[in-house]
Protein backbone atom coordinates (compact mmCIF):
# COMPACT_ATOMS: atom_id res chain seq x y z
CA MET A 1 -95.15 112.85 -25.35
CA LYS A 2 -96.47 109.39 -24.43
CA GLY A 3 -94.85 107.94 -27.55
CA CYS A 4 -91.48 109.41 -26.52
CA LEU A 5 -91.79 107.93 -23.03
CA ARG A 6 -92.61 104.48 -24.47
CA LEU A 7 -89.59 104.71 -26.79
CA ALA A 8 -87.34 105.74 -23.88
CA ALA A 9 -88.61 102.78 -21.83
CA LEU A 10 -87.90 100.36 -24.68
CA VAL A 11 -84.37 101.76 -25.12
CA LEU A 12 -83.77 101.42 -21.36
CA CYS A 13 -84.92 97.78 -21.38
CA ALA A 14 -82.69 97.03 -24.37
CA LEU A 15 -79.68 98.55 -22.60
CA VAL A 16 -80.34 96.46 -19.50
CA PHE A 17 -80.51 93.31 -21.63
CA LEU A 18 -77.29 94.14 -23.51
CA CYS A 19 -75.53 94.97 -20.27
CA ARG A 20 -76.48 91.69 -18.65
CA ALA A 21 -75.64 89.65 -21.76
CA SER A 22 -72.21 91.13 -22.49
CA ALA A 23 -70.29 91.10 -19.19
CA TYR A 24 -70.10 88.41 -16.53
CA GLU A 25 -70.38 89.55 -12.93
CA VAL A 26 -68.85 87.82 -9.92
CA TYR A 27 -70.41 89.15 -6.74
CA VAL A 28 -68.37 89.48 -3.56
CA ALA A 29 -70.22 89.21 -0.26
CA PRO A 30 -68.98 91.31 2.70
CA LEU A 31 -65.81 89.68 3.96
CA CYS A 32 -65.45 91.29 7.39
CA GLN A 33 -67.82 92.06 10.24
CA ASP A 34 -66.59 95.59 11.00
CA PRO A 35 -67.07 97.94 8.02
CA GLY A 36 -64.57 100.45 9.44
CA SER A 37 -61.70 98.05 10.10
CA SER A 38 -58.41 97.59 8.25
CA ALA A 39 -59.79 94.31 6.88
CA SER A 40 -62.64 96.26 5.26
CA ALA A 41 -60.11 98.48 3.48
CA ILE A 42 -58.36 95.37 2.19
CA GLU A 43 -61.69 94.06 0.91
CA GLU A 44 -62.24 97.24 -1.14
CA LYS A 45 -58.68 97.14 -2.52
CA LEU A 46 -59.09 93.45 -3.44
CA ILE A 47 -62.20 94.13 -5.52
CA PHE A 48 -60.51 97.09 -7.20
CA SER A 49 -57.39 95.00 -7.97
CA LEU A 50 -59.46 92.22 -9.53
CA ASN A 51 -61.39 94.66 -11.71
CA ARG A 52 -58.11 96.18 -12.89
CA ALA A 53 -56.76 92.72 -13.73
CA PHE A 54 -59.83 91.77 -15.82
CA ASP A 55 -60.54 95.21 -17.27
CA ARG A 56 -60.31 93.76 -20.80
CA GLY A 57 -61.72 90.37 -20.00
CA GLY A 58 -65.47 90.93 -19.90
CA ILE A 59 -65.76 90.23 -16.16
CA ARG A 60 -66.61 92.50 -13.26
CA PHE A 61 -66.26 91.87 -9.54
CA VAL A 62 -69.12 93.61 -7.71
CA ALA A 63 -69.58 94.10 -3.97
CA SER A 64 -72.99 92.72 -3.05
CA GLY A 65 -73.37 95.21 -0.19
CA ARG A 66 -74.16 94.62 3.46
CA ASP A 67 -77.88 94.89 2.89
CA ALA A 68 -77.71 91.60 0.96
CA GLY A 69 -76.39 89.82 4.06
CA LEU A 70 -73.14 88.21 5.26
CA PRO A 71 -73.29 84.48 4.47
CA SER A 72 -71.34 82.29 6.88
CA SER A 73 -72.06 78.91 5.27
CA PHE A 74 -72.50 77.36 1.84
CA LEU A 75 -76.28 77.14 2.28
CA GLU A 76 -76.58 80.82 3.22
CA ALA A 77 -74.38 81.80 0.27
CA MET A 78 -76.45 79.70 -2.13
CA ARG A 79 -79.68 81.28 -0.84
CA LEU A 80 -78.12 84.70 -1.44
CA CYS A 81 -77.27 83.71 -5.03
CA GLN A 82 -80.76 82.45 -5.74
CA LYS A 83 -82.50 85.42 -4.10
CA ASN A 84 -80.48 88.03 -6.02
CA SER A 85 -79.80 86.04 -9.23
CA TYR A 86 -76.03 85.95 -8.68
CA GLU A 87 -74.41 83.48 -11.05
CA TYR A 88 -71.13 83.47 -9.12
CA LEU A 89 -70.44 84.57 -5.54
CA ILE A 90 -67.28 84.87 -3.47
CA TYR A 91 -67.86 84.70 0.30
CA GLY A 92 -65.77 83.99 3.38
CA TYR A 93 -63.71 86.20 5.67
CA ILE A 94 -60.73 88.54 5.93
CA LYS A 95 -59.45 89.04 9.49
CA ASP A 96 -56.83 91.20 11.17
CA ASP A 97 -56.23 89.45 14.49
CA SER A 98 -53.31 90.25 16.81
CA GLY A 99 -51.16 91.62 14.01
CA VAL A 100 -51.88 88.72 11.64
CA LEU A 101 -53.93 89.05 8.45
CA SER A 102 -55.74 85.93 7.25
CA ALA A 103 -58.32 85.14 4.61
CA GLU A 104 -60.38 82.17 3.53
CA LEU A 105 -62.59 82.84 0.53
CA ARG A 106 -64.84 80.47 -1.41
CA LEU A 107 -66.24 80.79 -4.94
CA ILE A 108 -69.59 79.13 -5.60
CA SER A 109 -71.66 78.67 -8.75
CA ARG A 110 -75.43 79.05 -8.55
CA ASP A 111 -76.06 76.90 -11.64
CA ASP A 112 -73.75 74.09 -10.49
CA ARG A 113 -74.96 74.44 -6.88
CA ALA A 114 -71.39 73.77 -5.78
CA GLN A 115 -68.25 75.34 -4.43
CA ILE A 116 -65.79 75.49 -7.31
CA ALA A 117 -62.74 77.07 -5.64
CA SER A 118 -61.29 78.27 -2.35
CA PHE A 119 -58.55 80.85 -1.76
CA LEU A 120 -56.34 81.08 1.35
CA ALA A 121 -53.84 83.77 2.31
CA ALA A 122 -51.99 84.93 5.44
CA ASP A 123 -49.43 87.60 6.28
CA ASP A 124 -48.57 90.01 9.05
CA SER A 125 -50.51 93.28 9.35
CA ALA A 126 -47.52 95.38 8.38
CA HIS A 127 -47.66 93.93 4.86
CA ALA A 128 -51.31 94.54 3.98
CA GLU A 129 -50.50 95.45 0.36
CA ARG A 130 -48.52 92.21 -0.12
CA PHE A 131 -51.37 90.25 1.46
CA THR A 132 -53.92 91.87 -0.90
CA ALA A 133 -51.72 91.28 -3.95
CA ASP A 134 -51.23 87.61 -3.00
CA LEU A 135 -54.95 87.00 -2.52
CA SER A 136 -55.81 88.82 -5.75
CA ALA A 137 -53.20 86.84 -7.70
CA LYS A 138 -54.64 83.51 -6.50
CA ILE A 139 -58.13 84.49 -7.65
CA GLU A 140 -56.78 85.79 -10.98
CA ASP A 141 -54.83 82.57 -11.55
CA PHE A 142 -57.96 80.51 -10.98
CA PHE A 143 -60.04 82.47 -13.48
CA ASN A 144 -57.22 82.49 -16.03
CA GLY A 145 -56.62 78.77 -15.60
CA ALA A 146 -59.48 76.56 -14.46
CA MET A 147 -62.15 79.00 -15.68
CA GLY A 148 -60.45 79.49 -19.05
CA TRP A 149 -60.27 83.26 -18.90
CA ALA A 150 -56.74 83.71 -20.26
CA GLU A 151 -57.84 83.49 -23.88
CA LYS A 152 -60.57 86.07 -23.22
CA LYS A 153 -58.10 88.85 -22.45
CA MET A 154 -57.99 90.05 -26.07
CA MET A 155 -61.56 91.32 -25.81
CA PRO A 156 -62.02 94.98 -26.76
CA GLU A 157 -61.72 97.35 -23.82
CA ARG A 158 -64.61 97.74 -21.44
CA ARG A 159 -66.61 100.93 -21.75
CA LEU A 160 -68.98 102.48 -19.26
CA LEU A 161 -72.13 104.39 -20.10
CA ALA A 162 -74.40 106.31 -17.73
CA LEU A 163 -77.85 107.60 -18.61
CA GLY A 164 -79.68 109.82 -16.17
CA PHE A 165 -81.93 112.71 -15.36
CA SER A 166 -81.78 115.60 -12.91
CA ALA A 167 -84.11 118.02 -11.16
CA ALA A 168 -83.02 121.30 -9.59
CA TRP A 169 -83.95 124.75 -8.42
CA TRP A 170 -81.93 127.58 -9.96
CA THR A 171 -81.39 131.22 -9.17
CA PRO A 172 -79.46 134.05 -10.80
CA ILE A 173 -76.80 135.74 -8.67
CA GLY A 174 -75.17 139.11 -9.06
CA ALA A 175 -76.59 141.89 -11.25
CA TRP A 176 -79.42 139.74 -12.66
CA GLY A 177 -80.74 138.78 -9.23
CA PRO A 178 -83.31 141.54 -8.62
CA GLY A 179 -85.02 141.21 -12.02
CA LEU A 180 -85.13 137.44 -12.50
CA ARG A 181 -86.24 134.48 -10.42
CA GLY A 182 -85.59 130.85 -11.11
CA ILE A 183 -88.48 128.40 -10.77
CA CYS A 184 -87.27 124.91 -11.65
CA GLU A 185 -84.87 123.01 -13.85
CA GLY A 186 -84.81 119.46 -15.24
CA GLY A 187 -82.69 117.61 -17.73
CA LEU A 188 -81.33 114.47 -19.31
CA ARG A 189 -77.68 113.46 -19.24
CA VAL A 190 -75.32 110.95 -20.80
CA ARG A 191 -71.84 110.09 -19.46
CA TYR A 192 -69.31 107.96 -21.34
CA VAL A 193 -66.08 106.54 -19.91
CA PRO A 194 -63.56 104.93 -22.30
CA GLY A 195 -61.93 101.86 -20.73
CA PRO A 196 -58.43 103.38 -20.40
CA TRP A 197 -59.88 106.25 -18.37
CA LEU A 198 -60.60 104.00 -15.37
CA LEU A 199 -57.99 105.11 -12.86
CA ASP A 200 -56.44 104.34 -9.49
CA LEU A 201 -56.33 107.75 -7.76
CA TRP A 202 -54.49 107.68 -4.42
CA GLY A 203 -55.65 104.12 -3.87
CA ARG A 204 -59.27 104.86 -4.81
CA GLU A 205 -61.15 103.86 -7.95
CA ALA A 206 -61.78 106.84 -10.22
CA SER A 207 -62.91 107.57 -13.77
CA VAL A 208 -62.72 110.45 -16.22
CA GLY A 209 -65.89 110.85 -18.27
CA LEU A 210 -67.17 112.82 -21.24
CA GLY A 211 -70.83 113.66 -21.49
CA LEU A 212 -73.77 115.55 -22.87
CA ARG A 213 -76.47 117.33 -20.89
CA LEU A 214 -79.73 118.75 -22.22
CA GLU A 215 -81.72 120.80 -19.71
CA TYR A 216 -84.84 122.93 -19.54
CA ALA A 217 -85.20 125.74 -16.99
CA ALA A 218 -88.10 128.07 -16.25
CA GLY A 219 -87.90 131.54 -14.68
CA MET A 220 -90.02 134.59 -14.03
CA ASN A 221 -89.73 138.30 -13.31
CA GLY A 222 -88.70 139.83 -9.99
CA GLU A 223 -91.26 141.60 -7.80
CA ALA A 224 -90.59 145.12 -9.11
CA TYR A 225 -90.63 144.15 -12.79
CA GLU A 226 -93.32 143.65 -15.42
CA PRO A 227 -94.82 140.13 -15.55
CA ALA A 228 -92.64 137.81 -17.60
CA PHE A 229 -91.93 134.11 -18.07
CA LEU A 230 -88.53 132.83 -19.23
CA HIS A 231 -87.94 129.49 -20.99
CA CYS A 232 -84.30 128.30 -21.19
CA ILE A 233 -82.93 125.33 -23.10
CA ARG A 234 -79.33 124.49 -22.19
CA LEU A 235 -76.83 122.24 -23.94
CA SER A 236 -73.46 121.42 -22.36
CA LEU A 237 -70.63 118.97 -23.02
CA PRO A 238 -69.01 118.22 -19.64
CA ALA A 239 -65.75 116.52 -18.79
CA ASP A 240 -65.67 115.25 -15.22
CA LEU A 241 -63.78 113.23 -12.64
CA ALA A 242 -65.64 110.76 -10.39
CA VAL A 243 -63.84 109.28 -7.36
CA SER A 244 -65.05 106.42 -5.17
CA LEU A 245 -65.21 107.27 -1.46
CA GLY A 246 -65.85 103.64 -0.48
CA ARG A 247 -68.96 101.72 0.63
CA GLY A 248 -70.91 102.87 -2.42
CA PHE A 249 -70.36 106.63 -2.03
CA PHE A 250 -68.65 108.74 -4.68
CA LEU A 251 -67.68 112.34 -5.45
CA ASP A 252 -68.04 113.88 -8.91
CA ALA A 253 -66.87 117.25 -10.29
CA GLY A 254 -66.62 118.66 -13.79
CA ILE A 255 -66.64 121.61 -16.17
CA ALA A 256 -68.31 122.14 -19.55
CA PRO A 257 -68.81 124.60 -22.42
CA LEU A 258 -72.43 125.78 -22.44
CA VAL A 259 -74.94 127.14 -24.96
CA GLU A 260 -78.33 128.48 -23.80
CA PHE A 261 -81.34 129.31 -25.97
CA GLU A 262 -83.86 131.62 -24.28
CA ILE A 263 -87.46 132.63 -24.96
CA LEU A 264 -88.91 135.57 -23.00
CA ASP A 265 -92.70 135.95 -22.83
CA GLN A 266 -93.47 139.30 -21.22
CA SER A 267 -96.61 141.42 -20.62
CA ARG A 268 -95.49 145.02 -21.04
CA LYS A 269 -97.54 147.84 -19.59
CA TYR A 270 -97.58 150.08 -22.65
CA THR A 271 -96.75 147.85 -25.64
CA GLY A 272 -98.65 144.68 -24.68
CA GLU A 273 -97.35 141.18 -25.17
CA TYR A 274 -93.69 140.80 -26.09
CA LEU A 275 -91.95 137.63 -27.25
CA GLY A 276 -88.16 137.77 -27.42
CA TYR A 277 -85.47 135.26 -28.30
CA GLY A 278 -81.80 135.07 -27.42
CA VAL A 279 -78.78 132.78 -27.47
CA GLY A 280 -75.88 132.91 -25.04
CA ALA A 281 -72.61 131.02 -24.72
CA GLY A 282 -70.58 130.42 -21.62
CA PHE A 283 -69.40 127.67 -19.31
CA SER A 284 -70.73 125.61 -16.44
CA ALA A 285 -69.16 123.71 -13.55
CA PHE A 286 -70.57 121.30 -11.00
CA ILE A 287 -69.71 119.25 -7.95
CA GLY A 288 -71.81 116.50 -6.46
CA SER A 289 -71.88 113.43 -4.26
CA GLY A 290 -73.88 110.26 -4.71
CA TYR A 291 -74.51 106.71 -3.60
CA GLN A 292 -74.47 103.61 -5.81
CA PHE A 293 -77.19 101.46 -4.28
CA SER A 294 -76.84 98.67 -6.88
CA PRO A 295 -74.34 97.81 -9.64
CA LEU A 296 -76.52 99.66 -12.16
CA PHE A 297 -78.26 102.49 -10.32
CA SER A 298 -77.10 105.53 -8.36
CA CYS A 299 -78.50 108.82 -7.12
CA GLY A 300 -77.15 111.88 -5.41
CA ILE A 301 -77.07 115.62 -4.93
CA GLU A 302 -75.29 118.14 -7.12
CA CYS A 303 -74.67 121.89 -7.17
CA GLY A 304 -74.07 123.56 -10.51
CA PHE A 305 -72.71 126.99 -11.43
CA SER A 306 -72.92 128.60 -14.86
CA CYS A 307 -71.84 131.83 -16.48
CA LEU A 308 -73.32 133.17 -19.73
CA PHE A 309 -71.37 135.88 -21.53
CA PHE A 310 -74.04 138.51 -22.16
CA ALA A 311 -73.30 142.26 -22.03
CA GLU A 312 -73.92 141.82 -18.31
CA PRO A 313 -72.73 138.27 -17.48
CA LEU A 314 -75.54 136.04 -16.21
CA LEU A 315 -74.39 133.95 -13.24
CA GLU A 316 -76.58 131.07 -12.10
CA LEU A 317 -76.51 128.66 -9.17
CA SER A 318 -78.52 125.41 -9.33
CA PRO A 319 -78.60 122.90 -6.43
CA GLY A 320 -80.49 119.71 -7.19
CA ILE A 321 -80.66 115.92 -7.33
CA PHE A 322 -79.78 113.35 -9.99
CA PHE A 323 -80.51 109.71 -10.78
CA SER A 324 -78.36 107.54 -13.07
CA PHE A 325 -78.55 104.15 -14.78
CA ALA A 326 -74.95 103.08 -15.43
CA PRO A 327 -74.41 99.76 -17.24
CA GLY A 328 -71.01 98.44 -18.31
CA TRP A 329 -70.63 96.67 -21.62
CA GLU A 330 -68.01 95.49 -24.08
CA SER A 331 -67.41 97.42 -27.27
CA GLY A 332 -67.81 95.14 -30.26
CA ALA A 333 -70.10 92.14 -30.56
CA GLY A 334 -70.52 89.46 -27.96
CA GLY A 335 -69.26 89.01 -24.44
CA ALA A 336 -66.88 86.77 -22.57
CA GLY A 337 -67.76 84.06 -20.09
CA PRO A 338 -66.20 81.12 -18.33
CA ALA A 339 -65.22 78.17 -20.43
CA LYS A 340 -67.42 76.00 -18.18
CA GLU A 341 -70.56 78.07 -18.81
CA SER A 342 -73.64 75.88 -18.54
CA SER A 343 -76.10 75.74 -21.39
């Protein structure tokens, strides 16, 4: 067991290294004071637009989050870069004042310790989409021109991978309820998102993923039944849709074919110990909500439902929690970076 944990830790460290080496990240500091304002919505759409524009270019624009601070000067922005190891940071403001939208953003480089670009935009509040598109286009033009990103666009498509684990309590419902009690459930999960499956769903960032889940669940007999202990090993292949709710929160729902292998260890009154085996097939579905508290890590709550097609269908409900490590990387060797990358 210890050897497996060491191997898992080494694999995790290797994935972190590959993730950091293969895709450049430009962090975006909060650009407005009021997180519920129309300017805040423009900020979210701007980051989404930039990520769509560079989806094949090996670059990601990542919101630094309000916990990191709102820099109002070059020195504060540089301290933020050094504290959090940001190589590039965009800071400044987006305002909606008296029906007029305005923005002044600055891009700084931690390694150069200098401001390397500024971006200005203005429009009336009735044309927020045009204002966002104009600001996004100016930033795109800079990266494609001065930063030499245009020739990087032929990179293979970006893929997303999520590795995680879950813990839950489960219970049978329906006809199986009186004779069986759930104790606990835990599992490992993998989620894979091909680059083209990154979507814009009603103005919100979304993704369709394919995955694999391997879970273990333990159960026992009901009060009026002979003592028994049930071991369940579950394998499912989910397809799911995850939608960003803004400010780090997201909603996830999916469905999967399911196979369950069961071992029943029972102490029978007249025949003694009994060990039985069984395999069932069925389907599972789940819905959950989570919070991405850094570009790589997220956690949340999830409620699962499953149905196994025995002679008497076994229905199960399993509320629980999950934790995910979700790096982004480029398929194929190597990554893309600015032409002016320092040695």
